[in-house]
Amino acid sequence: MQADTEARFYQNVHLYWDYILRTPALNDVLVASEKEYRQKHGTMWTGPAQTDEEADDHMERTIRLERFNLYAVGCTTLVRIYYPLDDYQKSLHESEFEQDPRAVVMMRGVDRINPDYAKKNPFKWGRDIIRSFGKWYTGQRPRYEGELKQFQLMLIDAIEKSQSVKAEPVQKPAAPEIPLKFNFHTGDFSLYGAEGNFSPASQEFKVLTTLLNSSEYQATFLELIQAAYSPEKEATKSNKALLYKIIDGIKNKLGVSVISNVPRVGYRLIFNEKEPEGKQP
């Protein structure tokens, strides 16, 4: 909060979120809040609103939910600040022209972006686009500070509540553990001693998280294609070919034997009980 410039402030926000996401006890609280939000939001919107009054009622209840849910309160700074800067930090070998414009605006400001960028790629670096991002970040520090203060208080409250639960937990059959440790917020993973990262903005991240969240770690071609691209996509031959390239990219990081094709169905994650022989960390 005491940073002397906006750029330093945004860097500090990145460090703050990075600490939360990499600290299991804190990340678990955030994940639990996200699940609660999605469950309650899904209950509110069980079907399309039939009238304007129903739509207004749904929206009002959604706004109330977002004001009192930890994940919803922190989502803006997480998505708008942390994710762009995290990619920016991990891509120092790339030129600034190849970076996310949002990160460049935060670090340099709207007026210090090379005007030649717009000539090379007007879709990504056009003046109107940069100005729209400038509205997100330039002079917006007080807004983000307020959201962070509220999030911090809610985080402390959530931690205290989780620690004060004294009732004996209900014993449930333990789910089989898998050797892949995956952070659903940052994309960091470890498998058989090897570590790496899938950018949350990448298609590999979307496909892998779909598989991890699916029953028995198996998903159909259609589910994976729509996760990677959009709900309007169909499981055509050409789209399956594009999906194969995404799967191949995941295999290059995780290992070929981790993902298996299910003929005429889709793909499935397969984990050995022991580390494969010859697997190098």
Protein backbone atom coordinates (compact mmCIF):
# COMPACT_ATOMS: atom_id res chain seq x y z
CA MET A 1 0.00 0.00 0.00
CA GLN A 2 2.97 2.32 0.60
CA ALA A 3 4.47 1.95 -2.88
CA ASP A 4 5.58 5.32 -4.26
CA THR A 5 4.40 4.67 -7.84
CA GLU A 6 1.51 2.86 -9.49
CA ALA A 7 3.92 0.45 -11.17
CA ARG A 8 5.41 -0.51 -7.79
CA PHE A 9 1.93 -0.88 -6.36
CA TYR A 10 0.92 -3.31 -9.11
CA GLN A 11 4.14 -5.27 -8.57
CA ASN A 12 3.34 -5.49 -4.87
CA VAL A 13 -0.17 -6.74 -5.66
CA HIS A 14 1.42 -9.45 -7.79
CA LEU A 15 3.70 -10.48 -4.91
CA TYR A 16 0.75 -10.47 -2.50
CA TRP A 17 -1.30 -12.81 -4.69
CA ASP A 18 1.73 -14.95 -5.49
CA TYR A 19 2.25 -15.57 -1.77
CA ILE A 20 -1.40 -16.54 -1.28
CA LEU A 21 -1.51 -18.90 -4.25
CA ARG A 22 1.76 -20.61 -3.30
CA THR A 23 0.89 -21.03 0.38
CA PRO A 24 -1.26 -24.18 0.69
CA ALA A 25 -3.19 -23.07 3.79
CA LEU A 26 -4.18 -19.78 2.14
CA ASN A 27 -4.79 -21.23 -1.30
CA ASP A 28 -7.10 -23.88 0.21
CA VAL A 29 -9.25 -21.14 1.77
CA LEU A 30 -9.47 -19.38 -1.60
CA VAL A 31 -10.35 -22.57 -3.47
CA ALA A 32 -13.09 -23.36 -0.93
CA SER A 33 -14.53 -19.87 -1.39
CA GLU A 34 -14.47 -20.26 -5.18
CA LYS A 35 -16.37 -23.57 -4.96
CA GLU A 36 -18.92 -21.94 -2.64
CA TYR A 37 -19.37 -19.06 -5.07
CA ARG A 38 -19.89 -21.31 -8.08
CA GLN A 39 -22.37 -23.48 -6.18
CA LYS A 40 -24.45 -20.56 -4.95
CA HIS A 41 -24.26 -18.78 -8.30
CA GLY A 42 -25.40 -21.94 -10.08
CA THR A 43 -28.34 -22.24 -7.67
CA MET A 44 -29.40 -18.67 -8.41
CA TRP A 45 -29.24 -19.13 -12.16
CA THR A 46 -30.85 -22.53 -12.57
CA GLY A 47 -32.42 -21.41 -15.84
CA PRO A 48 -32.82 -18.36 -18.11
CA ALA A 49 -34.91 -15.51 -16.76
CA GLN A 50 -38.35 -15.40 -18.37
CA THR A 51 -39.15 -11.78 -17.56
CA ASP A 52 -37.27 -8.54 -16.92
CA GLU A 53 -38.29 -8.75 -13.25
CA GLU A 54 -36.74 -12.20 -12.91
CA ALA A 55 -33.56 -11.02 -14.59
CA ASP A 56 -33.35 -8.02 -12.23
CA ASP A 57 -33.90 -10.32 -9.24
CA HIS A 58 -31.16 -12.70 -10.40
CA MET A 59 -28.74 -9.82 -10.93
CA GLU A 60 -29.50 -8.28 -7.52
CA ARG A 61 -28.86 -11.58 -5.74
CA THR A 62 -25.65 -12.09 -7.72
CA ILE A 63 -24.38 -8.65 -6.68
CA ARG A 64 -25.11 -9.42 -3.02
CA LEU A 65 -23.28 -12.74 -3.32
CA GLU A 66 -20.24 -11.08 -4.89
CA ARG A 67 -20.04 -8.50 -2.09
CA PHE A 68 -19.78 -11.13 0.63
CA ASN A 69 -17.77 -13.87 -1.05
CA LEU A 70 -13.99 -13.92 -0.58
CA TYR A 71 -13.17 -15.23 -4.04
CA ALA A 72 -15.51 -12.77 -5.80
CA VAL A 73 -14.04 -9.79 -3.90
CA GLY A 74 -10.48 -10.77 -4.81
CA CYS A 75 -11.22 -11.83 -8.39
CA THR A 76 -10.68 -8.40 -9.97
CA THR A 77 -7.14 -7.90 -8.66
CA LEU A 78 -6.35 -11.56 -9.32
CA VAL A 79 -7.45 -11.47 -12.96
CA ARG A 80 -6.62 -7.90 -13.92
CA ILE A 81 -3.30 -7.55 -12.09
CA TYR A 82 -1.81 -10.86 -11.01
CA TYR A 83 -2.30 -13.01 -14.12
CA PRO A 84 -1.00 -10.44 -16.69
CA LEU A 85 2.02 -9.56 -14.54
CA ASP A 86 2.76 -13.19 -13.80
CA ASP A 87 2.96 -13.97 -17.52
CA TYR A 88 5.02 -10.80 -18.00
CA GLN A 89 7.47 -11.86 -15.30
CA LYS A 90 7.82 -15.40 -16.66
CA SER A 91 8.38 -14.17 -20.23
CA LEU A 92 11.36 -11.88 -19.75
CA HIS A 93 13.08 -13.48 -22.74
CA GLU A 94 10.35 -12.15 -25.03
CA SER A 95 10.32 -8.62 -26.43
CA GLU A 96 7.87 -6.12 -25.01
CA PHE A 97 5.95 -6.19 -28.30
CA GLU A 98 5.10 -9.85 -27.65
CA GLN A 99 3.88 -9.22 -24.10
CA ASP A 100 0.34 -8.74 -22.80
CA PRO A 101 -0.52 -5.04 -23.32
CA ARG A 102 -2.20 -4.96 -19.89
CA ALA A 103 1.08 -5.80 -18.18
CA VAL A 104 2.98 -3.22 -20.24
CA VAL A 105 0.43 -0.52 -19.36
CA MET A 106 0.82 -1.33 -15.65
CA MET A 107 4.62 -1.29 -15.79
CA ARG A 108 5.23 1.60 -18.19
CA GLY A 109 2.04 3.64 -18.42
CA VAL A 110 -0.05 4.45 -21.49
CA ASP A 111 2.15 7.33 -22.67
CA ARG A 112 5.39 5.34 -22.70
CA ILE A 113 4.39 2.54 -25.08
CA ASN A 114 6.31 2.48 -28.35
CA PRO A 115 4.01 3.93 -31.05
CA ASP A 116 5.50 1.52 -33.62
CA TYR A 117 3.76 -1.36 -31.86
CA ALA A 118 0.38 -0.20 -33.19
CA LYS A 119 1.74 -0.11 -36.74
CA LYS A 120 2.96 -3.71 -36.47
CA ASN A 121 -0.14 -5.05 -34.75
CA PRO A 122 -3.09 -2.60 -34.56
CA PHE A 123 -5.40 -5.32 -33.23
CA LYS A 124 -3.25 -5.79 -30.13
CA TRP A 125 -1.59 -2.39 -29.70
CA GLY A 126 -4.07 0.01 -31.30
CA ARG A 127 -4.54 3.39 -29.63
CA ASP A 128 -8.15 2.71 -28.64
CA ILE A 129 -7.22 -0.64 -27.11
CA ILE A 130 -4.36 0.84 -25.09
CA ARG A 131 -6.61 3.66 -23.92
CA SER A 132 -9.23 1.16 -22.76
CA PHE A 133 -6.58 -0.65 -20.73
CA GLY A 134 -5.41 2.69 -19.42
CA LYS A 135 -8.88 3.19 -17.93
CA TRP A 136 -8.36 -0.06 -16.01
CA TYR A 137 -5.05 0.97 -14.47
CA THR A 138 -4.20 4.67 -14.77
CA GLY A 139 -5.45 6.45 -11.66
CA GLN A 140 -7.30 3.32 -10.50
CA ARG A 141 -4.99 2.55 -7.58
CA PRO A 142 -7.46 3.76 -4.88
CA ARG A 143 -10.10 1.38 -6.18
CA TYR A 144 -7.77 -1.63 -6.10
CA GLU A 145 -6.48 -0.63 -2.65
CA GLY A 146 -10.06 -0.66 -1.35
CA GLU A 147 -10.70 -4.09 -2.83
CA LEU A 148 -7.46 -5.44 -1.36
CA LYS A 149 -8.30 -4.13 2.11
CA GLN A 150 -11.71 -5.77 1.98
CA PHE A 151 -10.23 -9.01 0.63
CA GLN A 152 -7.55 -9.08 3.35
CA LEU A 153 -10.12 -8.69 6.14
CA MET A 154 -12.33 -11.38 4.61
CA LEU A 155 -9.31 -13.68 4.21
CA ILE A 156 -8.38 -13.30 7.88
CA ASP A 157 -12.00 -13.98 8.87
CA ALA A 158 -12.15 -17.09 6.65
CA ILE A 159 -8.90 -18.43 8.16
CA GLU A 160 -10.14 -17.89 11.70
CA LYS A 161 -13.42 -19.64 10.93
CA SER A 162 -11.66 -22.62 9.37
CA GLN A 163 -9.40 -22.93 12.42
CA SER A 164 -12.27 -22.64 14.91
CA VAL A 165 -14.20 -25.64 13.57
CA LYS A 166 -14.01 -28.24 16.36
CA ALA A 167 -16.52 -30.82 15.18
CA GLU A 168 -15.09 -34.15 14.13
CA PRO A 169 -15.01 -34.35 10.35
CA VAL A 170 -17.20 -36.93 8.66
CA GLN A 171 -15.03 -39.78 7.51
CA LYS A 172 -15.32 -40.29 3.79
CA PRO A 173 -13.53 -42.77 1.60
CA ALA A 174 -10.23 -41.21 0.67
CA ALA A 175 -10.01 -40.30 -2.98
CA PRO A 176 -7.07 -41.96 -4.69
CA GLU A 177 -4.09 -39.66 -4.73
CA ILE A 178 -2.46 -38.86 -8.02
CA PRO A 179 1.21 -38.00 -8.48
CA LEU A 180 0.39 -34.80 -10.37
CA LYS A 181 0.30 -31.77 -8.08
CA PHE A 182 -1.44 -28.94 -9.90
CA ASN A 183 -2.27 -25.37 -8.88
CA PHE A 184 -5.58 -24.45 -10.54
CA HIS A 185 -4.86 -20.71 -10.17
CA THR A 186 -1.24 -20.37 -11.29
CA GLY A 187 -0.86 -23.44 -13.52
CA ASP A 188 2.25 -24.62 -11.64
CA PHE A 189 2.69 -28.39 -11.51
CA SER A 190 5.01 -31.09 -10.26
CA LEU A 191 5.04 -34.67 -11.51
CA TYR A 192 7.53 -37.41 -10.65
CA GLY A 193 10.00 -34.80 -9.41
CA ALA A 194 9.73 -32.57 -12.47
CA GLU A 195 8.20 -29.09 -12.21
CA GLY A 196 6.73 -26.71 -14.75
CA ASN A 197 3.89 -24.31 -15.54
CA PHE A 198 0.89 -24.03 -17.84
CA SER A 199 -0.15 -20.42 -18.34
CA PRO A 200 -3.77 -19.96 -17.11
CA ALA A 201 -4.49 -18.19 -20.41
CA SER A 202 -3.27 -21.11 -22.53
CA GLN A 203 -5.38 -23.76 -24.23
CA GLU A 204 -3.22 -26.46 -22.61
CA PHE A 205 -4.25 -25.14 -19.17
CA LYS A 206 -7.95 -25.22 -20.09
CA VAL A 207 -7.79 -28.75 -21.48
CA LEU A 208 -5.74 -30.10 -18.57
CA THR A 209 -8.02 -28.58 -15.92
CA THR A 210 -11.04 -30.05 -17.73
CA LEU A 211 -9.47 -33.49 -17.57
CA LEU A 212 -8.53 -33.09 -13.90
CA ASN A 213 -12.06 -32.00 -12.99
CA SER A 214 -13.76 -34.77 -14.97
CA SER A 215 -14.93 -38.09 -13.58
CA GLU A 216 -12.09 -40.62 -13.67
CA TYR A 217 -9.99 -37.91 -15.36
CA GLN A 218 -11.68 -38.60 -18.70
CA ALA A 219 -13.42 -36.10 -21.01
CA THR A 220 -14.97 -36.29 -24.46
CA PHE A 221 -13.59 -34.67 -27.61
CA LEU A 222 -16.47 -32.17 -27.51
CA GLU A 223 -15.88 -31.20 -23.87
CA LEU A 224 -12.18 -30.61 -24.46
CA ILE A 225 -12.66 -28.73 -27.72
CA GLN A 226 -15.24 -26.42 -26.14
CA ALA A 227 -12.98 -25.89 -23.11
CA ALA A 228 -10.07 -24.91 -25.35
CA TYR A 229 -12.01 -22.67 -27.73
CA SER A 230 -15.66 -21.84 -27.09
CA PRO A 231 -19.01 -23.54 -26.28
CA GLU A 232 -20.06 -23.05 -29.92
CA LYS A 233 -17.32 -25.32 -31.29
CA GLU A 234 -18.22 -28.81 -32.53
CA ALA A 235 -16.21 -32.02 -32.52
CA THR A 236 -15.41 -31.87 -36.23
CA LYS A 237 -12.44 -33.62 -37.78
CA SER A 238 -10.51 -30.35 -38.11
CA ASN A 239 -11.23 -29.35 -34.50
CA LYS A 240 -10.09 -32.77 -33.30
CA ALA A 241 -6.85 -32.21 -35.20
CA LEU A 242 -6.39 -28.88 -33.38
CA LEU A 243 -7.16 -30.59 -30.07
CA TYR A 244 -4.51 -33.22 -30.85
CA LYS A 245 -1.89 -30.46 -31.08
CA ILE A 246 -2.95 -29.11 -27.67
CA ILE A 247 -2.77 -32.61 -26.18
CA ASP A 248 0.67 -33.02 -27.73
CA GLY A 249 1.78 -29.80 -26.02
CA ILE A 250 0.59 -31.13 -22.66
CA LYS A 251 2.41 -34.41 -23.28
CA ASN A 252 5.63 -32.54 -23.99
CA LYS A 253 5.51 -31.12 -20.47
CA LEU A 254 3.94 -33.94 -18.47
CA GLY A 255 5.15 -36.98 -20.39
CA VAL A 256 3.67 -38.98 -23.26
CA SER A 257 2.37 -41.79 -21.06
CA VAL A 258 0.23 -39.47 -18.88
CA ILE A 259 -2.51 -38.87 -21.49
CA SER A 260 -4.18 -41.66 -23.42
CA ASN A 261 -6.61 -41.54 -26.31
CA VAL A 262 -9.96 -43.22 -25.69
CA PRO A 263 -11.05 -44.39 -29.17
CA ARG A 264 -14.17 -42.63 -30.48
CA VAL A 265 -14.63 -40.92 -27.08
CA GLY A 266 -11.89 -38.49 -26.10
CA TYR A 267 -8.83 -38.43 -23.83
CA ARG A 268 -7.99 -39.66 -20.36
CA LEU A 269 -5.26 -38.97 -17.81
CA ILE A 270 -3.41 -42.09 -16.68
CA PHE A 271 -1.07 -42.11 -13.70
CA ASN A 272 1.24 -44.92 -12.66
CA GLU A 273 1.44 -45.87 -9.01
CA LYS A 274 5.20 -45.57 -9.19
CA GLU A 275 7.48 -43.17 -10.97
CA PRO A 276 8.17 -44.45 -14.48
CA GLU A 277 11.60 -45.97 -14.96
CA GLY A 278 14.00 -43.67 -16.69
CA LYS A 279 11.88 -40.57 -15.89
CA GLN A 280 14.28 -37.73 -15.19
CA PRO A 281 13.28 -34.87 -12.88
